[in-house]
């Protein structure tokens, strides 16, 4: 490559701008102030032509290897950010959506266990073959005994007791009890207790509640509940139970006192 074809350095460009001027004869022929004005105009024109020439030369010069690498690195960086987004900078995987779908578990035909939490399944509300539903007093007693017997470490929540009492209750009552809060269960948990029922007595409800009829009766159920936990004690729980009958089967339909 010839000397004139070599790329000029920045210093060479500066030297061109600082180089002296060779004035034409017609400029040197002037005298005094006229010659100074002519020389100034000539210098300005030369500077303008030189600056234009330098700009043209720079546009024609090939890009240096270092500049080319810098451009490539910038383009690669833009591509990475466009692909992975800001999540890549924070260590998260932006290339895939994290969607976790819980497997759907269908109950087996032989699974008769009541749910551990939430609502009691309709099958749990069905009367047990062993449940005697012919006597309203006996139905009220068995309901209270199973509903007030609780073991929080095993039951996890109060719906387990609702499930145990379900054979002696109507489905609407089972659903209502399972979906409602139970302060007695929470109090038992706070005391680290396990409750069992030692005695249950059932009596007519009295004059404060509606009188009995062939389809509906009210009973006052008094249960002695023994608690073993941080302390051992006994307490008396009184439930006012409304029982209804259908085809000779009595069930607890409503409970006051819970």
Protein backbone atom coordinates (compact mmCIF):
# COMPACT_ATOMS: atom_id res chain seq x y z
CA UNK A 1 0.00 0.00 0.00
CA UNK A 2 1.43 3.40 -1.00
CA UNK A 3 2.22 6.06 1.60
CA UNK A 4 -0.67 8.22 0.40
CA UNK A 5 -3.10 5.30 0.80
CA UNK A 6 -2.17 4.65 4.44
CA UNK A 7 -4.76 5.82 7.01
CA UNK A 8 -3.68 9.11 8.53
CA UNK A 9 -3.24 9.42 12.27
CA UNK A 10 -5.06 12.05 14.34
CA UNK A 11 -1.77 13.91 14.78
CA UNK A 12 -1.33 14.10 10.99
CA UNK A 13 -4.80 15.57 10.68
CA UNK A 14 -3.94 18.18 13.32
CA UNK A 15 -0.68 19.00 11.53
CA UNK A 16 -2.57 19.60 8.31
CA UNK A 17 -4.79 22.12 10.05
CA UNK A 18 -1.78 23.88 11.63
CA UNK A 19 0.37 23.92 8.50
CA UNK A 20 1.51 27.26 7.11
CA UNK A 21 -0.20 28.93 4.18
CA UNK A 22 1.30 29.63 0.72
CA UNK A 23 -0.53 32.73 -0.46
CA UNK A 24 -1.22 33.23 -4.17
CA UNK A 25 0.63 36.01 -5.97
CA UNK A 26 -2.50 38.14 -6.27
CA UNK A 27 -2.83 38.14 -2.48
CA UNK A 28 0.83 39.10 -1.95
CA UNK A 29 0.44 41.89 -4.51
CA UNK A 30 -1.90 43.74 -2.17
CA UNK A 31 -0.56 46.32 0.26
CA UNK A 32 -1.34 47.19 3.86
CA UNK A 33 -4.80 46.51 5.18
CA UNK A 34 -6.06 45.10 1.89
CA UNK A 35 -3.38 42.40 1.89
CA UNK A 36 -4.22 41.40 5.49
CA UNK A 37 -7.91 41.06 4.60
CA UNK A 38 -7.05 39.01 1.50
CA UNK A 39 -4.75 36.71 3.48
CA UNK A 40 -7.44 36.22 6.17
CA UNK A 41 -10.04 35.31 3.56
CA UNK A 42 -7.59 32.90 1.93
CA UNK A 43 -6.81 31.18 5.26
CA UNK A 44 -10.49 30.76 6.07
CA UNK A 45 -11.15 29.23 2.68
CA UNK A 46 -8.19 26.86 3.08
CA UNK A 47 -9.32 25.78 6.52
CA UNK A 48 -12.80 25.03 5.23
CA UNK A 49 -11.42 22.98 2.31
CA UNK A 50 -8.99 21.11 4.60
CA UNK A 51 -11.70 20.29 7.17
CA UNK A 52 -13.96 18.97 4.43
CA UNK A 53 -11.12 16.87 3.03
CA UNK A 54 -10.35 15.42 6.47
CA UNK A 55 -14.02 14.52 6.99
CA UNK A 56 -14.10 12.79 3.60
CA UNK A 57 -10.92 10.88 4.42
CA UNK A 58 -12.26 9.68 7.76
CA UNK A 59 -15.43 8.39 6.14
CA UNK A 60 -13.36 6.40 3.66
CA UNK A 61 -11.02 4.87 6.27
CA UNK A 62 -11.69 1.23 7.22
CA UNK A 63 -12.80 0.56 10.81
CA UNK A 64 -10.00 -0.57 13.14
CA UNK A 65 -9.94 -4.08 14.62
CA UNK A 66 -10.55 -2.78 18.16
CA UNK A 67 -13.54 -0.72 17.03
CA UNK A 68 -14.94 -3.70 15.12
CA UNK A 69 -14.70 -5.91 18.24
CA UNK A 70 -16.43 -3.24 20.28
CA UNK A 71 -19.31 -3.03 17.79
CA UNK A 72 -19.68 -6.82 17.76
CA UNK A 73 -19.72 -6.93 21.58
CA UNK A 74 -22.43 -4.27 21.74
CA UNK A 75 -24.57 -6.13 19.21
CA UNK A 76 -24.18 -9.40 21.11
CA UNK A 77 -25.16 -7.68 24.37
CA UNK A 78 -28.30 -6.28 22.77
CA UNK A 79 -29.17 -9.73 21.48
CA UNK A 80 -28.77 -11.33 24.92
CA UNK A 81 -31.00 -8.75 26.60
CA UNK A 82 -33.62 -9.12 23.90
CA UNK A 83 -33.62 -12.91 24.31
CA UNK A 84 -33.63 -13.26 28.10
CA UNK A 85 -34.91 -9.89 29.25
CA UNK A 86 -34.27 -8.29 32.65
CA UNK A 87 -34.88 -11.59 34.48
CA UNK A 88 -31.48 -12.80 33.25
CA UNK A 89 -29.79 -9.98 35.19
CA UNK A 90 -31.56 -10.98 38.43
CA UNK A 91 -30.77 -14.67 38.12
CA UNK A 92 -34.30 -15.73 37.15
CA UNK A 93 -35.09 -17.87 34.16
CA UNK A 94 -36.94 -15.62 31.76
CA UNK A 95 -36.92 -18.17 28.95
CA UNK A 96 -39.77 -20.27 30.35
CA UNK A 97 -42.98 -19.72 32.23
CA UNK A 98 -43.08 -21.43 35.61
CA UNK A 99 -46.61 -22.79 35.87
CA UNK A 100 -47.20 -25.52 38.40
CA UNK A 101 -50.41 -27.45 38.03
CA UNK A 102 -51.53 -29.48 40.99
CA UNK A 103 -52.45 -33.02 39.97
CA UNK A 104 -56.12 -33.78 40.02
CA UNK A 105 -56.82 -36.64 42.39
CA UNK A 106 -60.08 -38.45 41.87
CA UNK A 107 -61.40 -40.29 44.94
CA UNK A 108 -61.32 -44.04 44.64
CA UNK A 109 -64.48 -46.09 44.90
CA UNK A 110 -63.38 -47.59 48.22
CA UNK A 111 -62.13 -44.42 49.89
CA UNK A 112 -64.66 -43.63 52.64
CA UNK A 113 -62.37 -41.40 54.74
CA UNK A 114 -63.73 -37.87 55.41
CA UNK A 115 -61.56 -34.98 54.18
CA UNK A 116 -58.96 -33.76 56.69
CA UNK A 117 -59.95 -30.12 56.19
CA UNK A 118 -62.44 -27.91 54.43
CA UNK A 119 -65.91 -29.37 54.07
CA UNK A 120 -67.09 -32.86 54.84
CA UNK A 121 -67.84 -34.89 51.73
CA UNK A 122 -71.51 -35.76 51.04
CA UNK A 123 -70.73 -39.45 51.59
CA UNK A 124 -69.67 -38.64 55.17
CA UNK A 125 -73.11 -37.13 55.82
CA UNK A 126 -74.88 -40.32 54.85
CA UNK A 127 -76.15 -42.35 57.80
CA UNK A 128 -73.93 -45.19 58.90
CA UNK A 129 -75.46 -48.67 58.64
CA UNK A 130 -74.69 -49.11 62.36
CA UNK A 131 -76.34 -45.80 63.37
CA UNK A 132 -79.67 -46.22 65.16
CA UNK A 133 -81.86 -43.37 63.92
CA UNK A 134 -85.14 -44.58 65.33
CA UNK A 135 -84.99 -42.72 68.67
CA UNK A 136 -84.43 -38.91 68.68
CA UNK A 137 -82.94 -39.00 72.21
CA UNK A 138 -80.40 -41.64 71.19
CA UNK A 139 -79.60 -39.73 67.98
CA UNK A 140 -78.98 -36.51 69.95
CA UNK A 141 -76.75 -38.38 72.42
CA UNK A 142 -74.59 -40.03 69.73
CA UNK A 143 -74.27 -36.79 67.79
CA UNK A 144 -72.99 -34.89 70.85
CA UNK A 145 -70.65 -37.69 71.91
CA UNK A 146 -68.95 -37.92 68.49
CA UNK A 147 -68.95 -34.16 67.83
CA UNK A 148 -67.34 -33.24 71.17
CA UNK A 149 -64.67 -35.98 71.07
CA UNK A 150 -61.59 -34.32 69.55
CA UNK A 151 -57.90 -35.00 69.07
CA UNK A 152 -56.30 -31.92 67.40
CA UNK A 153 -52.90 -33.56 66.61
CA UNK A 154 -54.71 -36.23 64.58
CA UNK A 155 -57.79 -34.29 63.46
CA UNK A 156 -55.86 -31.20 62.22
CA UNK A 157 -59.10 -29.17 62.30
CA UNK A 158 -62.67 -29.36 63.59
CA UNK A 159 -64.11 -30.88 60.40
CA UNK A 160 -62.85 -34.33 61.45
CA UNK A 161 -65.24 -34.25 64.42
CA UNK A 162 -68.02 -33.05 62.12
CA UNK A 163 -67.36 -36.07 59.91
CA UNK A 164 -67.58 -38.46 62.88
CA UNK A 165 -70.94 -36.95 63.93
CA UNK A 166 -72.28 -36.79 60.37
CA UNK A 167 -74.21 -40.12 60.45
CA UNK A 168 -76.56 -38.59 63.07
CA UNK A 169 -76.97 -35.19 61.35
CA UNK A 170 -78.68 -33.83 58.26
CA UNK A 171 -76.44 -32.96 55.26
CA UNK A 172 -77.21 -29.21 55.52
CA UNK A 173 -76.09 -29.19 59.17
CA UNK A 174 -72.90 -31.10 58.30
CA UNK A 175 -72.08 -28.57 55.59
CA UNK A 176 -72.82 -25.61 57.86
CA UNK A 177 -70.66 -26.92 60.72
CA UNK A 178 -67.74 -27.81 58.45
CA UNK A 179 -67.70 -24.36 56.83
CA UNK A 180 -68.02 -22.41 60.09
CA UNK A 181 -65.30 -21.57 62.60
CA UNK A 182 -65.25 -23.53 65.85
CA UNK A 183 -63.93 -21.49 68.81
CA UNK A 184 -64.05 -24.55 71.09
CA UNK A 185 -61.64 -26.43 68.84
CA UNK A 186 -59.27 -23.44 68.68
CA UNK A 187 -59.38 -23.13 72.48
CA UNK A 188 -58.59 -26.83 72.80
CA UNK A 189 -55.59 -26.42 70.45
CA UNK A 190 -54.27 -23.46 72.48
CA UNK A 191 -54.36 -25.60 75.63
CA UNK A 192 -52.67 -28.57 73.96
CA UNK A 193 -55.66 -30.67 74.89
CA UNK A 194 -57.43 -33.83 73.74
CA UNK A 195 -61.10 -34.12 74.68
CA UNK A 196 -63.26 -37.15 75.37
CA UNK A 197 -66.89 -37.34 76.45
CA UNK A 198 -67.54 -39.30 79.63
CA UNK A 199 -71.30 -38.81 80.11
CA UNK A 200 -74.21 -37.48 78.07
CA UNK A 201 -77.74 -36.75 79.27
CA UNK A 202 -80.66 -35.85 76.99
CA UNK A 203 -83.82 -34.08 78.17
CA UNK A 204 -86.73 -32.24 76.54
CA UNK A 205 -85.82 -28.68 75.68
CA UNK A 206 -88.45 -27.00 77.84
CA UNK A 207 -90.80 -24.10 77.28
CA UNK A 208 -88.23 -21.70 75.75
CA UNK A 209 -88.14 -23.72 72.54
CA UNK A 210 -91.00 -24.92 70.29
CA UNK A 211 -92.98 -27.94 71.54
CA UNK A 212 -92.51 -31.38 70.04
CA UNK A 213 -94.55 -32.62 67.09
CA UNK A 214 -94.43 -35.86 65.10
CA UNK A 215 -91.90 -34.42 62.63
CA UNK A 216 -89.74 -32.13 64.81
CA UNK A 217 -88.46 -32.17 68.40
CA UNK A 218 -86.01 -30.16 70.50
CA UNK A 219 -83.65 -31.73 73.04
CA UNK A 220 -81.28 -30.31 75.66
CA UNK A 221 -78.06 -32.32 75.53
CA UNK A 222 -75.62 -31.99 78.44
CA UNK A 223 -72.18 -33.55 77.97
CA UNK A 224 -69.33 -33.87 80.45
CA UNK A 225 -66.11 -33.32 78.48
CA UNK A 226 -62.78 -34.43 79.96
CA UNK A 227 -59.67 -32.65 78.65
CA UNK A 228 -56.08 -33.83 78.96
CA UNK A 229 -53.42 -31.33 77.88
CA UNK A 230 -51.18 -28.73 79.49
CA UNK A 231 -53.64 -29.10 82.37
CA UNK A 232 -56.22 -31.80 83.05
CA UNK A 233 -59.77 -30.64 83.67
CA UNK A 234 -63.42 -31.36 82.92
CA UNK A 235 -66.08 -29.03 81.56
CA UNK A 236 -69.80 -29.25 80.87
CA UNK A 237 -71.10 -28.44 77.38
CA UNK A 238 -74.82 -27.88 76.77
CA UNK A 239 -76.28 -28.16 73.26
CA UNK A 240 -79.83 -27.38 72.23
CA UNK A 241 -80.54 -29.75 69.34
CA UNK A 242 -83.43 -29.67 66.88
CA UNK A 243 -84.15 -33.07 65.34
CA UNK A 244 -86.30 -33.88 62.33
CA UNK A 245 -87.57 -37.18 60.99
CA UNK A 246 -88.03 -38.58 57.50
CA UNK A 247 -89.29 -42.13 56.89
CA UNK A 248 -88.75 -42.94 60.55
CA UNK A 249 -85.08 -41.78 60.63
CA UNK A 250 -84.31 -39.01 63.09
CA UNK A 251 -81.35 -36.67 62.55
CA UNK A 252 -80.02 -33.52 64.20
CA UNK A 253 -80.97 -30.61 61.93
CA UNK A 254 -79.87 -27.62 64.03
CA UNK A 255 -77.66 -27.01 67.07
CA UNK A 256 -77.68 -24.04 69.42
CA UNK A 257 -74.64 -23.48 71.60
CA UNK A 258 -71.80 -24.15 69.13
